[in-house]
N, C-alpha and C. Protein backbone atom coordinates (compact mmCIF):
# COMPACT_ATOMS: atom_id res chain seq x y z
N MET A 1 31.53 -36.72 34.47
CA MET A 1 31.66 -36.77 32.78
C MET A 1 30.41 -36.47 32.15
N PRO A 2 29.38 -37.12 32.64
CA PRO A 2 27.90 -36.80 31.90
C PRO A 2 27.70 -35.36 32.09
N ILE A 3 27.94 -34.67 33.22
CA ILE A 3 27.57 -33.27 33.40
C ILE A 3 28.47 -32.38 32.33
N GLY A 4 29.71 -32.84 32.14
CA GLY A 4 30.54 -32.07 31.13
C GLY A 4 29.93 -32.14 29.72
N ILE A 5 29.39 -33.29 29.41
CA ILE A 5 28.85 -33.60 28.01
C ILE A 5 27.63 -32.73 27.88
N PHE A 6 26.81 -32.66 29.08
CA PHE A 6 25.49 -31.95 29.05
C PHE A 6 25.77 -30.38 28.86
N VAL A 7 26.78 -30.04 29.61
CA VAL A 7 27.27 -28.54 29.59
C VAL A 7 27.66 -28.12 28.22
N THR A 8 28.56 -29.06 27.63
CA THR A 8 29.10 -28.84 26.27
C THR A 8 28.09 -28.85 25.24
N GLY A 9 27.01 -29.85 25.22
CA GLY A 9 25.81 -29.82 24.27
C GLY A 9 24.94 -28.60 24.64
N THR A 10 24.75 -28.32 25.83
CA THR A 10 23.86 -27.02 26.09
C THR A 10 24.49 -25.89 25.45
N THR A 11 25.77 -25.53 25.72
CA THR A 11 26.54 -24.40 25.19
C THR A 11 26.49 -24.38 23.49
N ARG A 12 26.63 -25.64 22.91
CA ARG A 12 26.57 -25.63 21.46
C ARG A 12 25.26 -25.36 21.05
N ILE A 13 24.09 -25.87 21.77
CA ILE A 13 22.76 -25.46 21.41
C ILE A 13 22.35 -23.94 21.59
N HIS A 14 22.96 -23.36 22.56
CA HIS A 14 22.89 -22.03 22.82
C HIS A 14 23.60 -21.01 21.83
N ASN A 15 24.79 -21.58 21.42
CA ASN A 15 25.50 -20.90 20.38
C ASN A 15 24.70 -21.06 18.98
N GLU A 16 24.36 -22.17 18.68
CA GLU A 16 23.48 -22.33 17.42
C GLU A 16 22.24 -21.38 17.29
N VAL A 17 21.64 -21.38 18.62
CA VAL A 17 20.23 -20.53 18.62
C VAL A 17 20.69 -19.05 18.44
N HIS A 18 21.78 -18.68 18.98
CA HIS A 18 22.26 -17.24 18.98
C HIS A 18 22.64 -16.86 17.41
N THR A 19 23.29 -17.93 16.74
CA THR A 19 23.76 -17.69 15.37
C THR A 19 22.42 -17.37 14.68
N LEU A 20 21.51 -18.38 14.92
CA LEU A 20 20.38 -18.49 14.06
C LEU A 20 19.50 -17.07 14.09
N GLN A 21 19.43 -16.47 15.39
CA GLN A 21 18.89 -15.25 15.70
C GLN A 21 19.37 -14.16 14.97
N ARG A 22 20.75 -14.22 14.98
CA ARG A 22 21.58 -13.15 14.24
C ARG A 22 21.42 -13.23 12.79
N THR A 23 21.39 -14.65 12.19
CA THR A 23 21.22 -14.75 10.75
C THR A 23 19.75 -14.38 10.33
N SER A 24 18.84 -14.67 11.10
CA SER A 24 17.48 -14.35 10.66
C SER A 24 17.35 -12.80 10.78
N TYR A 25 17.95 -12.19 11.75
CA TYR A 25 17.78 -10.72 11.88
C TYR A 25 18.48 -10.11 10.64
N THR A 26 19.65 -10.55 10.25
CA THR A 26 20.43 -10.18 9.02
C THR A 26 19.53 -10.24 7.94
N ILE A 27 18.94 -11.41 7.61
CA ILE A 27 18.09 -11.72 6.47
C ILE A 27 16.90 -10.74 6.41
N PHE A 28 16.20 -10.53 7.82
CA PHE A 28 15.02 -9.62 7.89
C PHE A 28 15.47 -8.23 7.55
N ILE A 29 16.78 -7.68 7.88
CA ILE A 29 17.04 -6.38 7.51
C ILE A 29 17.41 -6.28 6.00
N LYS A 30 18.02 -7.12 5.48
CA LYS A 30 18.34 -7.20 4.03
C LYS A 30 17.04 -7.15 3.18
N SER A 31 16.17 -8.26 3.52
CA SER A 31 14.93 -8.15 2.92
C SER A 31 14.07 -6.79 2.94
N ASN A 32 14.02 -6.25 4.13
CA ASN A 32 13.34 -5.03 4.55
C ASN A 32 14.07 -4.01 3.45
N PHE A 33 15.35 -3.93 3.51
CA PHE A 33 15.97 -2.90 2.60
C PHE A 33 15.50 -3.19 1.25
N ILE A 34 15.51 -4.56 0.69
CA ILE A 34 15.04 -4.76 -0.79
C ILE A 34 13.66 -4.24 -0.76
N VAL A 35 12.83 -4.40 0.09
CA VAL A 35 11.42 -3.97 -0.23
C VAL A 35 11.24 -2.43 -0.16
N LYS A 36 12.20 -1.89 0.74
CA LYS A 36 11.94 -0.45 0.69
C LYS A 36 12.50 0.28 -0.61
N ARG A 37 13.52 -0.34 -1.08
CA ARG A 37 14.22 0.01 -2.37
C ARG A 37 13.26 -0.11 -3.51
N GLU A 38 12.50 -1.23 -3.53
CA GLU A 38 11.38 -1.41 -4.74
C GLU A 38 10.27 -0.45 -4.47
N ILE A 39 9.92 -0.19 -3.25
CA ILE A 39 8.78 0.80 -3.14
C ILE A 39 9.15 2.17 -3.56
N ASN A 40 10.64 2.57 -3.31
CA ASN A 40 11.11 3.96 -3.79
C ASN A 40 11.08 3.85 -5.31
N ARG A 41 11.57 2.91 -5.88
CA ARG A 41 11.54 2.75 -7.34
C ARG A 41 10.20 2.87 -7.90
N LEU A 42 9.09 2.19 -7.34
CA LEU A 42 7.78 2.42 -7.71
C LEU A 42 7.28 3.91 -7.60
N MET A 43 7.58 4.41 -6.50
CA MET A 43 7.08 5.94 -6.22
C MET A 43 7.75 6.72 -7.14
N LEU A 44 9.00 6.52 -7.54
CA LEU A 44 9.69 7.58 -8.49
C LEU A 44 9.14 7.09 -10.07
N GLN A 45 8.68 6.00 -10.34
CA GLN A 45 8.01 5.74 -11.56
C GLN A 45 6.58 6.44 -11.68
N MET A 46 5.94 6.23 -10.48
CA MET A 46 4.61 6.68 -10.49
C MET A 46 4.64 8.29 -10.71
N LEU A 47 5.86 9.06 -10.16
CA LEU A 47 5.95 10.31 -10.40
C LEU A 47 6.28 10.86 -11.73
N HIS A 48 6.91 10.06 -12.41
CA HIS A 48 7.25 10.43 -13.76
C HIS A 48 6.34 9.95 -14.90
N VAL A 49 5.46 8.95 -14.63
CA VAL A 49 4.52 8.41 -15.63
C VAL A 49 3.19 9.20 -15.43
N LYS A 50 2.68 9.78 -16.65
CA LYS A 50 1.69 10.54 -16.60
C LYS A 50 0.41 9.39 -16.78
N PHE A 51 -0.29 9.48 -15.64
CA PHE A 51 -1.50 8.59 -15.46
C PHE A 51 -2.82 9.06 -15.69
N GLN A 52 -3.41 8.50 -16.78
CA GLN A 52 -4.65 8.93 -17.06
C GLN A 52 -5.74 7.97 -17.11
N THR A 53 -6.94 8.21 -16.42
CA THR A 53 -8.02 7.24 -16.22
C THR A 53 -9.06 7.66 -17.57
N THR A 54 -9.52 6.81 -18.22
CA THR A 54 -10.56 6.99 -19.28
C THR A 54 -11.74 5.84 -18.92
N ALA A 55 -12.92 6.28 -19.43
CA ALA A 55 -14.21 5.43 -19.29
C ALA A 55 -14.10 4.58 -20.75
N ALA A 56 -13.50 3.51 -20.82
CA ALA A 56 -13.53 2.81 -22.04
C ALA A 56 -12.90 3.64 -23.16
N ASN A 57 -12.11 4.64 -23.18
CA ASN A 57 -11.46 5.30 -24.09
C ASN A 57 -12.54 6.21 -24.80
N PHE A 58 -13.68 6.38 -24.02
CA PHE A 58 -14.80 7.45 -24.60
C PHE A 58 -14.32 8.99 -24.24
N PHE A 59 -14.07 8.99 -22.95
CA PHE A 59 -13.69 10.21 -22.22
C PHE A 59 -12.87 10.13 -21.28
N ASP A 60 -12.02 11.15 -20.69
CA ASP A 60 -11.05 11.07 -19.66
C ASP A 60 -11.83 11.39 -18.31
N ILE A 61 -11.53 10.67 -17.30
CA ILE A 61 -12.10 10.81 -16.18
C ILE A 61 -11.02 11.68 -15.36
N ASN A 62 -11.35 12.90 -14.96
CA ASN A 62 -10.47 13.80 -14.39
C ASN A 62 -11.20 14.68 -13.28
N MET A 63 -10.63 15.69 -12.58
CA MET A 63 -11.23 16.49 -11.68
C MET A 63 -12.44 17.31 -12.52
N LYS A 64 -12.10 17.80 -13.48
CA LYS A 64 -12.95 18.49 -14.41
C LYS A 64 -14.32 17.87 -14.59
N MET A 65 -14.19 16.49 -15.01
CA MET A 65 -15.37 15.49 -15.33
C MET A 65 -16.13 15.47 -13.87
N ILE A 66 -15.37 15.03 -12.88
CA ILE A 66 -15.99 14.81 -11.55
C ILE A 66 -16.82 16.00 -11.16
N PHE A 67 -16.06 17.21 -11.32
CA PHE A 67 -16.90 18.49 -10.85
C PHE A 67 -18.03 18.60 -11.76
N SER A 68 -18.04 18.33 -13.09
CA SER A 68 -19.19 18.47 -13.94
C SER A 68 -20.24 17.48 -13.50
N ILE A 69 -19.97 16.31 -13.03
CA ILE A 69 -21.01 15.23 -12.61
C ILE A 69 -21.79 15.89 -11.32
N ILE A 70 -20.87 16.26 -10.25
CA ILE A 70 -21.26 16.85 -9.28
C ILE A 70 -22.41 18.07 -9.34
N SER A 71 -21.91 18.84 -10.32
CA SER A 71 -22.68 20.27 -10.57
C SER A 71 -24.06 19.60 -11.07
N VAL A 72 -24.02 18.63 -12.02
CA VAL A 72 -25.24 18.15 -12.61
C VAL A 72 -26.08 17.60 -11.56
N VAL A 73 -25.72 16.97 -10.66
CA VAL A 73 -26.49 16.39 -9.59
C VAL A 73 -27.00 17.34 -8.58
N VAL A 74 -26.29 18.38 -8.34
CA VAL A 74 -26.82 19.24 -7.48
C VAL A 74 -27.95 19.98 -8.12
N GLN A 75 -27.66 20.45 -9.47
CA GLN A 75 -28.65 21.10 -10.30
C GLN A 75 -30.10 20.46 -10.42
N TYR A 76 -29.96 18.92 -10.39
CA TYR A 76 -31.07 18.20 -10.63
C TYR A 76 -31.97 18.00 -9.39
N ALA A 77 -31.10 18.14 -8.25
CA ALA A 77 -31.74 17.95 -6.93
C ALA A 77 -32.33 19.38 -6.62
N ILE A 78 -31.74 20.52 -6.96
CA ILE A 78 -32.49 21.76 -6.77
C ILE A 78 -33.64 21.97 -7.62
N ILE A 79 -33.80 21.39 -8.87
CA ILE A 79 -34.87 21.35 -9.63
C ILE A 79 -35.99 20.37 -9.04
N LEU A 80 -35.76 19.22 -8.45
CA LEU A 80 -36.67 18.47 -7.91
C LEU A 80 -37.26 18.98 -6.59
N ILE A 81 -36.51 19.72 -5.85
CA ILE A 81 -36.94 20.28 -4.54
C ILE A 81 -37.86 21.52 -4.92
N GLN A 82 -37.62 22.19 -6.12
CA GLN A 82 -38.29 23.36 -6.42
C GLN A 82 -39.78 22.80 -7.23
N ALA A 83 -39.66 21.59 -7.74
CA ALA A 83 -40.72 21.09 -8.35
C ALA A 83 -41.75 20.68 -7.18
N GLN A 84 -41.07 20.05 -6.28
CA GLN A 84 -42.08 19.48 -5.12
C GLN A 84 -42.67 20.63 -4.30
N HIS A 85 -41.95 21.65 -4.21
CA HIS A 85 -42.38 22.96 -3.63
C HIS A 85 -43.49 23.47 -4.26
N LEU A 86 -43.57 23.47 -5.66
CA LEU A 86 -44.62 24.04 -6.45
C LEU A 86 -45.70 22.97 -6.67
N LYS A 87 -45.59 21.80 -6.38
CA LYS A 87 -46.55 20.55 -6.52
C LYS A 87 -46.91 20.53 -7.97
N ILE A 88 -46.17 20.52 -8.93
CA ILE A 88 -46.28 20.19 -10.31
C ILE A 88 -46.59 18.71 -10.45
């Protein structure tokens, strides 16, 4: 009799663990689906919204501005190298 109770209890525990594993897997899949759906919505929104970066609304920061800054830095470096070469 005690062995039968032990086997029945063990079987119930095994079934509960198996049910818990299936339930947690289902919850994981559903939450993963929700996260993917929200990421897709955010990506669509980012595609359709015009994104503009400004420096305190004084001027736009875009590729033209970045290229201008890089060209000024390169020109200044060239002038410094030439000045050192001439020893002014």
